[in-house]
């Protein structure tokens, strides 16, 4: 059983870093780096559900461009969205200031 969980972690780690959309690689890969080792079996299942979602929809939800449908919400997706949105608002570019994003 424990070997299966480690195998699942390795598979999820790879999938988080190899999405097809570089922005999603960075968001989900960084989340996997920080959290995957401590996740319970239930949390791994939730993360796997997030990984299975299409990049375009997931990116729109994570960046706050569109609202996450209630049927797709999970504590893991909520954590990913919060961390990514915190990073987005902490970033200040010469093109988009913090005040313009709020």
PDB file of N, CA and C in Angstrom:
ATOM      1  N   UNK A   1       0.830  -1.204   0.000  1.00  0.00           N
ATOM      2  CA  UNK A   1       0.000   0.000   0.000  1.00  0.00           C
ATOM      3  C   UNK A   1       0.867   1.259   0.000  1.00  0.00           C
ATOM      4  N   UNK A   2       1.859   1.309   0.904  1.00  0.00           N
ATOM      5  CA  UNK A   2       2.719   2.488   0.990  1.00  0.00           C
ATOM      6  C   UNK A   2       3.496   2.692  -0.311  1.00  0.00           C
ATOM      7  N   UNK A   3       3.899   1.588  -0.946  1.00  0.00           N
ATOM      8  CA  UNK A   3       4.589   1.679  -2.228  1.00  0.00           C
ATOM      9  C   UNK A   3       3.702   2.257  -3.312  1.00  0.00           C
ATOM     10  N   UNK A   4       2.402   1.941  -3.243  1.00  0.00           N
ATOM     11  CA  UNK A   4       1.461   2.487  -4.217  1.00  0.00           C
ATOM     12  C   UNK A   4       1.314   3.992  -4.070  1.00  0.00           C
ATOM     13  N   UNK A   5       1.305   4.471  -2.831  1.00  0.00           N
ATOM     14  CA  UNK A   5       1.185   5.919  -2.592  1.00  0.00           C
ATOM     15  C   UNK A   5       2.424   6.636  -3.110  1.00  0.00           C
ATOM     16  N   UNK A   6       3.601   6.052  -2.889  1.00  0.00           N
ATOM     17  CA  UNK A   6       4.832   6.679  -3.392  1.00  0.00           C
ATOM     18  C   UNK A   6       4.860   6.673  -4.914  1.00  0.00           C
ATOM     19  N   UNK A   7       4.373   5.614  -5.511  1.00  0.00           N
ATOM     20  CA  UNK A   7       4.286   5.540  -6.967  1.00  0.00           C
ATOM     21  C   UNK A   7       3.323   6.616  -7.489  1.00  0.00           C
ATOM     22  N   UNK A   8       2.197   6.790  -6.799  1.00  0.00           N
ATOM     23  CA  UNK A   8       1.220   7.817  -7.173  1.00  0.00           C
ATOM     24  C   UNK A   8       1.839   9.207  -7.034  1.00  0.00           C
ATOM     25  N   UNK A   9       2.598   9.444  -5.954  1.00  0.00           N
ATOM     26  CA  UNK A   9       3.262  10.739  -5.772  1.00  0.00           C
ATOM     27  C   UNK A   9       4.228  11.036  -6.916  1.00  0.00           C
ATOM     28  N   UNK A  10       5.012  10.050  -7.295  1.00  0.00           N
ATOM     29  CA  UNK A  10       5.974  10.249  -8.393  1.00  0.00           C
ATOM     30  C   UNK A  10       5.252  10.560  -9.702  1.00  0.00           C
ATOM     31  N   UNK A  11       4.174   9.836  -9.953  1.00  0.00           N
ATOM     32  CA  UNK A  11       3.403  10.059 -11.178  1.00  0.00           C
ATOM     33  C   UNK A  11       2.786  11.455 -11.184  1.00  0.00           C
ATOM     34  N   UNK A  12       2.203  11.869 -10.056  1.00  0.00           N
ATOM     35  CA  UNK A  12       1.592  13.194  -9.957  1.00  0.00           C
ATOM     36  C   UNK A  12       2.645  14.296 -10.078  1.00  0.00           C
ATOM     37  N   UNK A  13       3.808  14.065  -9.494  1.00  0.00           N
ATOM     38  CA  UNK A  13       4.884  15.044  -9.585  1.00  0.00           C
ATOM     39  C   UNK A  13       5.271  15.264 -11.049  1.00  0.00           C
ATOM     40  N   UNK A  14       5.442  14.167 -11.768  1.00  0.00           N
ATOM     41  CA  UNK A  14       5.791  14.276 -13.182  1.00  0.00           C
ATOM     42  C   UNK A  14       4.699  15.002 -13.954  1.00  0.00           C
ATOM     43  N   UNK A  15       3.446  14.625 -13.730  1.00  0.00           N
ATOM     44  CA  UNK A  15       2.329  15.251 -14.453  1.00  0.00           C
ATOM     45  C   UNK A  15       2.176  16.725 -14.104  1.00  0.00           C
ATOM     46  N   UNK A  16       2.492  17.101 -12.872  1.00  0.00           N
ATOM     47  CA  UNK A  16       2.400  18.508 -12.467  1.00  0.00           C
ATOM     48  C   UNK A  16       3.425  19.359 -13.221  1.00  0.00           C
ATOM     49  N   UNK A  17       4.587  18.798 -13.497  1.00  0.00           N
ATOM     50  CA  UNK A  17       5.652  19.547 -14.168  1.00  0.00           C
ATOM     51  C   UNK A  17       5.637  19.402 -15.687  1.00  0.00           C
ATOM     52  N   UNK A  18       4.763  18.545 -16.225  1.00  0.00           N
ATOM     53  CA  UNK A  18       4.718  18.308 -17.672  1.00  0.00           C
ATOM     54  C   UNK A  18       3.289  18.419 -18.185  1.00  0.00           C
ATOM     55  N   UNK A  19       2.770  19.623 -18.191  1.00  0.00           N
ATOM     56  CA  UNK A  19       1.371  19.870 -18.517  1.00  0.00           C
ATOM     57  C   UNK A  19       1.134  20.114 -20.002  1.00  0.00           C
ATOM     58  N   UNK A  20       2.017  20.844 -20.632  1.00  0.00           N
ATOM     59  CA  UNK A  20       1.782  21.267 -22.011  1.00  0.00           C
ATOM     60  C   UNK A  20       1.656  22.779 -22.100  1.00  0.00           C
ATOM     61  N   UNK A  21       1.316  23.406 -20.999  1.00  0.00           N
ATOM     62  CA  UNK A  21       1.240  24.875 -20.919  1.00  0.00           C
ATOM     63  C   UNK A  21       2.240  25.298 -19.842  1.00  0.00           C
ATOM     64  N   UNK A  22       3.271  26.003 -20.237  1.00  0.00           N
ATOM     65  CA  UNK A  22       4.379  26.319 -19.329  1.00  0.00           C
ATOM     66  C   UNK A  22       3.915  26.990 -18.036  1.00  0.00           C
ATOM     67  N   UNK A  23       2.936  27.889 -18.152  1.00  0.00           N
ATOM     68  CA  UNK A  23       2.430  28.573 -16.949  1.00  0.00           C
ATOM     69  C   UNK A  23       1.867  27.562 -15.948  1.00  0.00           C
ATOM     70  N   UNK A  24       1.174  26.555 -16.465  1.00  0.00           N
ATOM     71  CA  UNK A  24       0.601  25.535 -15.573  1.00  0.00           C
ATOM     72  C   UNK A  24       1.690  24.627 -15.014  1.00  0.00           C
ATOM     73  N   UNK A  25       2.739  24.366 -15.795  1.00  0.00           N
ATOM     74  CA  UNK A  25       3.885  23.615 -15.271  1.00  0.00           C
ATOM     75  C   UNK A  25       4.437  24.324 -14.036  1.00  0.00           C
ATOM     76  N   UNK A  26       4.616  25.634 -14.172  1.00  0.00           N
ATOM     77  CA  UNK A  26       5.211  26.405 -13.074  1.00  0.00           C
ATOM     78  C   UNK A  26       4.304  26.461 -11.850  1.00  0.00           C
ATOM     79  N   UNK A  27       3.014  26.652 -12.062  1.00  0.00           N
ATOM     80  CA  UNK A  27       2.072  26.753 -10.939  1.00  0.00           C
ATOM     81  C   UNK A  27       1.907  25.406 -10.249  1.00  0.00           C
ATOM     82  N   UNK A  28       1.561  24.372 -11.023  1.00  0.00           N
ATOM     83  CA  UNK A  28       1.296  23.063 -10.423  1.00  0.00           C
ATOM     84  C   UNK A  28       2.576  22.360  -9.993  1.00  0.00           C
ATOM     85  N   UNK A  29       3.651  22.550 -10.755  1.00  0.00           N
ATOM     86  CA  UNK A  29       4.926  21.953 -10.369  1.00  0.00           C
ATOM     87  C   UNK A  29       5.447  22.518  -9.057  1.00  0.00           C
ATOM     88  N   UNK A  30       5.362  23.833  -8.913  1.00  0.00           N
ATOM     89  CA  UNK A  30       5.806  24.460  -7.659  1.00  0.00           C
ATOM     90  C   UNK A  30       4.940  24.011  -6.493  1.00  0.00           C
ATOM     91  N   UNK A  31       3.632  23.887  -6.732  1.00  0.00           N
ATOM     92  CA  UNK A  31       2.733  23.397  -5.679  1.00  0.00           C
ATOM     93  C   UNK A  31       3.116  21.972  -5.296  1.00  0.00           C
ATOM     94  N   UNK A  32       3.403  21.136  -6.286  1.00  0.00           N
ATOM     95  CA  UNK A  32       3.805  19.747  -6.019  1.00  0.00           C
ATOM     96  C   UNK A  32       5.110  19.720  -5.220  1.00  0.00           C
ATOM     97  N   UNK A  33       6.077  20.557  -5.612  1.00  0.00           N
ATOM     98  CA  UNK A  33       7.353  20.631  -4.884  1.00  0.00           C
ATOM     99  C   UNK A  33       7.129  20.912  -3.405  1.00  0.00           C
ATOM    100  N   UNK A  34       6.224  21.821  -3.104  1.00  0.00           N
ATOM    101  CA  UNK A  34       6.009  22.270  -1.735  1.00  0.00           C
ATOM    102  C   UNK A  34       5.097  21.363  -0.924  1.00  0.00           C
ATOM    103  N   UNK A  35       4.204  20.615  -1.577  1.00  0.00           N
ATOM    104  CA  UNK A  35       3.150  19.943  -0.816  1.00  0.00           C
ATOM    105  C   UNK A  35       3.002  18.441  -1.015  1.00  0.00           C
ATOM    106  N   UNK A  36       3.464  17.913  -2.115  1.00  0.00           N
ATOM    107  CA  UNK A  36       3.162  16.531  -2.472  1.00  0.00           C
ATOM    108  C   UNK A  36       3.626  15.520  -1.419  1.00  0.00           C
ATOM    109  N   UNK A  37       4.800  15.695  -0.869  1.00  0.00           N
ATOM    110  CA  UNK A  37       5.354  14.728   0.092  1.00  0.00           C
ATOM    111  C   UNK A  37       4.511  14.600   1.361  1.00  0.00           C
ATOM    112  N   UNK A  38       3.794  15.658   1.737  1.00  0.00           N
ATOM    113  CA  UNK A  38       3.006  15.641   2.968  1.00  0.00           C
ATOM    114  C   UNK A  38       1.538  15.288   2.746  1.00  0.00           C
ATOM    115  N   UNK A  39       1.120  15.129   1.500  1.00  0.00           N
ATOM    116  CA  UNK A  39      -0.307  14.907   1.226  1.00  0.00           C
ATOM    117  C   UNK A  39      -0.758  13.519   1.656  1.00  0.00           C
ATOM    118  N   UNK A  40      -1.967  13.486   2.198  1.00  0.00           N
ATOM    119  CA  UNK A  40      -2.607  12.218   2.546  1.00  0.00           C
ATOM    120  C   UNK A  40      -3.126  11.557   1.269  1.00  0.00           C
ATOM    121  N   UNK A  41      -3.591  10.328   1.395  1.00  0.00           N
ATOM    122  CA  UNK A  41      -4.175   9.632   0.252  1.00  0.00           C
ATOM    123  C   UNK A  41      -5.353  10.387  -0.334  1.00  0.00           C
ATOM    124  N   UNK A  42      -6.193  10.954   0.521  1.00  0.00           N
ATOM    125  CA  UNK A  42      -7.355  11.726   0.064  1.00  0.00           C
ATOM    126  C   UNK A  42      -6.914  12.992  -0.681  1.00  0.00           C
ATOM    127  N   UNK A  43      -5.892  13.664  -0.151  1.00  0.00           N
ATOM    128  CA  UNK A  43      -5.386  14.871  -0.807  1.00  0.00           C
ATOM    129  C   UNK A  43      -4.727  14.534  -2.146  1.00  0.00           C
ATOM    130  N   UNK A  44      -4.053  13.400  -2.224  1.00  0.00           N
ATOM    131  CA  UNK A  44      -3.472  12.968  -3.496  1.00  0.00           C
ATOM    132  C   UNK A  44      -4.564  12.739  -4.528  1.00  0.00           C
ATOM    133  N   UNK A  45      -5.667  12.142  -4.100  1.00  0.00           N
ATOM    134  CA  UNK A  45      -6.803  11.922  -4.996  1.00  0.00           C
ATOM    135  C   UNK A  45      -7.347  13.263  -5.498  1.00  0.00           C
ATOM    136  N   UNK A  46      -7.475  14.256  -4.596  1.00  0.00           N
ATOM    137  CA  UNK A  46      -7.965  15.581  -4.998  1.00  0.00           C
ATOM    138  C   UNK A  46      -6.993  16.245  -5.969  1.00  0.00           C
ATOM    139  N   UNK A  47      -5.691  16.126  -5.696  1.00  0.00           N
ATOM    140  CA  UNK A  47      -4.688  16.719  -6.582  1.00  0.00           C
ATOM    141  C   UNK A  47      -4.730  16.046  -7.949  1.00  0.00           C
ATOM    142  N   UNK A  48      -4.933  14.741  -7.968  1.00  0.00           N
ATOM    143  CA  UNK A  48      -5.047  14.021  -9.238  1.00  0.00           C
ATOM    144  C   UNK A  48      -6.253  14.522 -10.032  1.00  0.00           C
ATOM    145  N   UNK A  49      -7.340  14.842  -9.340  1.00  0.00           N
ATOM    146  CA  UNK A  49      -8.523  15.400 -10.010  1.00  0.00           C
ATOM    147  C   UNK A  49      -8.215  16.765 -10.608  1.00  0.00           C
ATOM    148  N   UNK A  50      -7.425  17.561  -9.914  1.00  0.00           N
ATOM    149  CA  UNK A  50      -7.027  18.874 -10.432  1.00  0.00           C
ATOM    150  C   UNK A  50      -6.133  18.697 -11.661  1.00  0.00           C
ATOM    151  N   UNK A  51      -5.181  17.786 -11.573  1.00  0.00           N
ATOM    152  CA  UNK A  51      -4.248  17.529 -12.667  1.00  0.00           C
ATOM    153  C   UNK A  51      -4.992  17.090 -13.935  1.00  0.00           C
ATOM    154  N   UNK A  52      -6.122  16.421 -13.770  1.00  0.00           N
ATOM    155  CA  UNK A  52      -6.885  15.912 -14.913  1.00  0.00           C
ATOM    156  C   UNK A  52      -7.660  17.003 -15.655  1.00  0.00           C
ATOM    157  N   UNK A  53      -7.777  18.188 -15.057  1.00  0.00           N
ATOM    158  CA  UNK A  53      -8.539  19.272 -15.676  1.00  0.00           C
ATOM    159  C   UNK A  53      -7.774  19.889 -16.847  1.00  0.00           C
ATOM    160  N   UNK A  54      -8.503  20.419 -17.845  1.00  0.00           N
ATOM    161  CA  UNK A  54      -7.835  21.067 -18.986  1.00  0.00           C
ATOM    162  C   UNK A  54      -7.075  22.328 -18.550  1.00  0.00           C
ATOM    163  N   UNK A  55      -5.904  22.524 -19.134  1.00  0.00           N
ATOM    164  CA  UNK A  55      -5.053  23.661 -18.778  1.00  0.00           C
ATOM    165  C   UNK A  55      -5.749  25.008 -18.912  1.00  0.00           C
ATOM    166  N   UNK A  56      -6.486  25.223 -20.004  1.00  0.00           N
ATOM    167  CA  UNK A  56      -7.086  26.539 -20.219  1.00  0.00           C
ATOM    168  C   UNK A  56      -8.094  26.892 -19.135  1.00  0.00           C
ATOM    169  N   UNK A  57      -8.933  25.951 -18.758  1.00  0.00           N
ATOM    170  CA  UNK A  57      -9.911  26.213 -17.696  1.00  0.00           C
ATOM    171  C   UNK A  57      -9.217  26.387 -16.357  1.00  0.00           C
ATOM    172  N   UNK A  58      -8.288  25.502 -16.069  1.00  0.00           N
ATOM    173  CA  UNK A  58      -7.567  25.561 -14.801  1.00  0.00           C
ATOM    174  C   UNK A  58      -6.813  26.882 -14.663  1.00  0.00           C
ATOM    175  N   UNK A  59      -6.167  27.325 -15.729  1.00  0.00           N
ATOM    176  CA  UNK A  59      -5.434  28.583 -15.690  1.00  0.00           C
ATOM    177  C   UNK A  59      -6.375  29.760 -15.430  1.00  0.00           C
ATOM    178  N   UNK A  60      -7.532  29.766 -16.087  1.00  0.00           N
ATOM    179  CA  UNK A  60      -8.509  30.844 -15.882  1.00  0.00           C
ATOM    180  C   UNK A  60      -9.007  30.853 -14.437  1.00  0.00           C
ATOM    181  N   UNK A  61      -9.226  29.697 -13.861  1.00  0.00           N
ATOM    182  CA  UNK A  61      -9.694  29.626 -12.466  1.00  0.00           C
ATOM    183  C   UNK A  61      -8.598  30.056 -11.503  1.00  0.00           C
ATOM    184  N   UNK A  62      -7.391  29.541 -11.721  1.00  0.00           N
ATOM    185  CA  UNK A  62      -6.284  29.819 -10.802  1.00  0.00           C
ATOM    186  C   UNK A  62      -5.912  31.293 -10.809  1.00  0.00           C
ATOM    187  N   UNK A  63      -5.958  31.923 -11.971  1.00  0.00           N
ATOM    188  CA  UNK A  63      -5.595  33.337 -12.056  1.00  0.00           C
ATOM    189  C   UNK A  63      -6.753  34.264 -11.687  1.00  0.00           C
ATOM    190  N   UNK A  64      -7.925  33.695 -11.448  1.00  0.00           N
ATOM    191  CA  UNK A  64      -9.072  34.497 -11.045  1.00  0.00           C
ATOM    192  C   UNK A  64      -9.819  35.131 -12.206  1.00  0.00           C
ATOM    193  N   UNK A  65      -9.504  34.738 -13.424  1.00  0.00           N
ATOM    194  CA  UNK A  65     -10.210  35.292 -14.586  1.00  0.00           C
ATOM    195  C   UNK A  65     -11.657  34.816 -14.637  1.00  0.00           C
ATOM    196  N   UNK A  66     -11.885  33.586 -14.232  1.00  0.00           N
ATOM    197  CA  UNK A  66     -13.245  33.057 -14.134  1.00  0.00           C
ATOM    198  C   UNK A  66     -13.390  32.333 -12.799  1.00  0.00           C
ATOM    199  N   UNK A  67     -14.615  32.216 -12.364  1.00  0.00           N
ATOM    200  CA  UNK A  67     -14.898  31.585 -11.077  1.00  0.00           C
ATOM    201  C   UNK A  67     -14.881  30.060 -11.220  1.00  0.00           C
ATOM    202  N   UNK A  68     -14.331  29.394 -10.214  1.00  0.00           N
ATOM    203  CA  UNK A  68     -14.302  27.931 -10.201  1.00  0.00           C
ATOM    204  C   UNK A  68     -15.720  27.424  -9.955  1.00  0.00           C
ATOM    205  N   UNK A  69     -16.242  26.562 -10.828  1.00  0.00           N
ATOM    206  CA  UNK A  69     -17.574  25.997 -10.589  1.00  0.00           C
ATOM    207  C   UNK A  69     -17.587  25.184  -9.292  1.00  0.00           C
ATOM    208  N   UNK A  70     -18.657  25.257  -8.569  1.00  0.00           N
ATOM    209  CA  UNK A  70     -18.766  24.533  -7.297  1.00  0.00           C
ATOM    210  C   UNK A  70     -18.480  23.042  -7.472  1.00  0.00           C
ATOM    211  N   UNK A  71     -18.891  22.471  -8.588  1.00  0.00           N
ATOM    212  CA  UNK A  71     -18.693  21.037  -8.822  1.00  0.00           C
ATOM    213  C   UNK A  71     -17.221  20.655  -8.969  1.00  0.00           C
ATOM    214  N   UNK A  72     -16.350  21.621  -9.235  1.00  0.00           N
ATOM    215  CA  UNK A  72     -14.921  21.360  -9.423  1.00  0.00           C
ATOM    216  C   UNK A  72     -14.074  21.769  -8.224  1.00  0.00           C
ATOM    217  N   UNK A  73     -14.666  22.461  -7.263  1.00  0.00           N
ATOM    218  CA  UNK A  73     -13.898  22.962  -6.116  1.00  0.00           C
ATOM    219  C   UNK A  73     -13.479  21.823  -5.205  1.00  0.00           C
ATOM    220  N   UNK A  74     -12.317  21.992  -4.615  1.00  0.00           N
ATOM    221  CA  UNK A  74     -11.797  21.077  -3.603  1.00  0.00           C
ATOM    222  C   UNK A  74     -10.824  21.869  -2.737  1.00  0.00           C
ATOM    223  N   UNK A  75     -10.538  21.388  -1.540  1.00  0.00           N
ATOM    224  CA  UNK A  75      -9.556  22.104  -0.709  1.00  0.00           C
ATOM    225  C   UNK A  75      -8.194  22.253  -1.404  1.00  0.00           C
ATOM    226  N   UNK A  76      -7.789  21.264  -2.181  1.00  0.00           N
ATOM    227  CA  UNK A  76      -6.498  21.343  -2.886  1.00  0.00           C
ATOM    228  C   UNK A  76      -6.540  22.417  -3.970  1.00  0.00           C
ATOM    229  N   UNK A  77      -7.598  22.442  -4.764  1.00  0.00           N
ATOM    230  CA  UNK A  77      -7.713  23.473  -5.797  1.00  0.00           C
ATOM    231  C   UNK A  77      -7.784  24.856  -5.160  1.00  0.00           C
ATOM    232  N   UNK A  78      -8.487  24.970  -4.047  1.00  0.00           N
ATOM    233  CA  UNK A  78      -8.541  26.258  -3.340  1.00  0.00           C
ATOM    234  C   UNK A  78      -7.147  26.704  -2.899  1.00  0.00           C
ATOM    235  N   UNK A  79      -6.339  25.764  -2.385  1.00  0.00           N
ATOM    236  CA  UNK A  79      -4.967  26.098  -1.960  1.00  0.00           C
ATOM    237  C   UNK A  79      -4.122  26.557  -3.149  1.00  0.00           C
ATOM    238  N   UNK A  80      -4.241  25.845  -4.248  1.00  0.00           N
ATOM    239  CA  UNK A  80      -3.483  26.199  -5.449  1.00  0.00           C
ATOM    240  C   UNK A  80      -3.870  27.601  -5.922  1.00  0.00           C
ATOM    241  N   UNK A  81      -5.161  27.878  -5.959  1.00  0.00           N
ATOM    242  CA  UNK A  81      -5.645  29.199  -6.395  1.00  0.00           C
ATOM    243  C   UNK A  81      -5.134  30.298  -5.477  1.00  0.00           C
ATOM    244  N   UNK A  82      -5.221  30.079  -4.174  1.00  0.00           N
ATOM    245  CA  UNK A  82      -4.756  31.093  -3.217  1.00  0.00           C
ATOM    246  C   UNK A  82      -3.269  31.373  -3.366  1.00  0.00           C
ATOM    247  N   UNK A  83      -2.467  30.321  -3.474  1.00  0.00           N
ATOM    248  CA  UNK A  83      -1.017  30.517  -3.609  1.00  0.00           C
ATOM    249  C   UNK A  83      -0.677  31.234  -4.907  1.00  0.00           C
ATOM    250  N   UNK A  84      -1.305  30.832  -5.992  1.00  0.00           N
ATOM    251  CA  UNK A  84      -1.020  31.457  -7.282  1.00  0.00           C
ATOM    252  C   UNK A  84      -1.473  32.910  -7.294  1.00  0.00           C
ATOM    253  N   UNK A  85      -2.652  33.188  -6.760  1.00  0.00           N
ATOM    254  CA  UNK A  85      -3.145  34.567  -6.736  1.00  0.00           C
ATOM    255  C   UNK A  85      -2.287  35.437  -5.833  1.00  0.00           C
ATOM    256  N   UNK A  86      -1.779  34.873  -4.746  1.00  0.00           N
ATOM    257  CA  UNK A  86      -0.866  35.624  -3.878  1.00  0.00           C
ATOM    258  C   UNK A  86       0.409  35.973  -4.641  1.00  0.00           C
ATOM    259  N   UNK A  87       0.932  35.031  -5.411  1.00  0.00           N
ATOM    260  CA  UNK A  87       2.138  35.284  -6.192  1.00  0.00           C
ATOM    261  C   UNK A  87       1.879  36.319  -7.279  1.00  0.00           C
ATOM    262  N   UNK A  88       0.710  36.267  -7.886  1.00  0.00           N
ATOM    263  CA  UNK A  88       0.368  37.227  -8.948  1.00  0.00           C
ATOM    264  C   UNK A  88       0.280  38.639  -8.370  1.00  0.00           C
ATOM    265  N   UNK A  89      -0.378  38.791  -7.231  1.00  0.00           N
ATOM    266  CA  UNK A  89      -0.529  40.131  -6.651  1.00  0.00           C
ATOM    267  C   UNK A  89       0.778  40.630  -6.052  1.00  0.00           C
ATOM    268  N   UNK A  90       1.677  39.721  -5.680  1.00  0.00           N
ATOM    269  CA  UNK A  90       2.969  40.138  -5.132  1.00  0.00           C
ATOM    270  C   UNK A  90       3.921  40.592  -6.234  1.00  0.00           C
ATOM    271  N   UNK A  91       3.635  40.179  -7.449  1.00  0.00           N
ATOM    272  CA  UNK A  91       4.478  40.522  -8.589  1.00  0.00           C
ATOM    273  C   UNK A  91       4.120  41.924  -9.084  1.00  0.00           C
ATOM    274  N   UNK A  92       5.116  42.740  -9.292  1.00  0.00           N
ATOM    275  CA  UNK A  92       4.875  44.073  -9.828  1.00  0.00           C
ATOM    276  C   UNK A  92       5.689  44.220 -11.110  1.00  0.00           C
ATOM    277  N   UNK A  93       5.004  44.365 -12.223  1.00  0.00           N
ATOM    278  CA  UNK A  93       5.688  44.504 -13.506  1.00  0.00           C
ATOM    279  C   UNK A  93       5.589  45.945 -13.976  1.00  0.00           C
ATOM    280  N   UNK A  94       6.426  46.351 -14.907  1.00  0.00           N
ATOM    281  CA  UNK A  94       6.324  47.710 -15.430  1.00  0.00           C
ATOM    282  C   UNK A  94       5.060  47.901 -16.260  1.00  0.00           C
ATOM    283  N   UNK A  95       4.396  46.814 -16.647  1.00  0.00           N
ATOM    284  CA  UNK A  95       3.221  46.906 -17.501  1.00  0.00           C
ATOM    285  C   UNK A  95       1.914  46.944 -16.712  1.00  0.00           C
ATOM    286  N   UNK A  96       1.883  46.225 -15.613  1.00  0.00           N
ATOM    287  CA  UNK A  96       0.665  46.165 -14.801  1.00  0.00           C
ATOM    288  C   UNK A  96       1.048  46.423 -13.352  1.00  0.00           C
ATOM    289  N   UNK A  97       0.638  47.528 -12.821  1.00  0.00           N
ATOM    290  CA  UNK A  97       0.969  47.831 -11.431  1.00  0.00           C
ATOM    291  C   UNK A  97      -0.002  47.120 -10.505  1.00  0.00           C
ATOM    292  N   UNK A  98       0.363  47.021  -9.229  1.00  0.00           N
ATOM    293  CA  UNK A  98      -0.515  46.392  -8.234  1.00  0.00           C
ATOM    294  C   UNK A  98      -1.864  47.075  -8.157  1.00  0.00           C
ATOM    295  N   UNK A  99      -1.894  48.394  -8.246  1.00  0.00           N
ATOM    296  CA  UNK A  99      -3.158  49.113  -8.140  1.00  0.00           C
ATOM    297  C   UNK A  99      -4.087  48.805  -9.308  1.00  0.00           C
ATOM    298  N   UNK A 100      -3.532  48.533 -10.490  1.00  0.00           N
ATOM    299  CA  UNK A 100      -4.357  48.197 -11.661  1.00  0.00           C
ATOM    300  C   UNK A 100      -4.966  46.801 -11.551  1.00  0.00           C
ATOM    301  N   UNK A 101      -4.317  45.909 -10.790  1.00  0.00           N
ATOM    302  CA  UNK A 101      -4.812  44.545 -10.637  1.00  0.00           C
ATOM    303  C   UNK A 101      -5.892  44.434  -9.582  1.00  0.00           C
ATOM    304  N   UNK A 102      -6.056  45.417  -8.757  1.00  0.00           N
ATOM    305  CA  UNK A 102      -7.013  45.312  -7.644  1.00  0.00           C
ATOM    306  C   UNK A 102      -8.363  45.820  -8.009  1.00  0.00           C
TER     307      UNK A 102
END
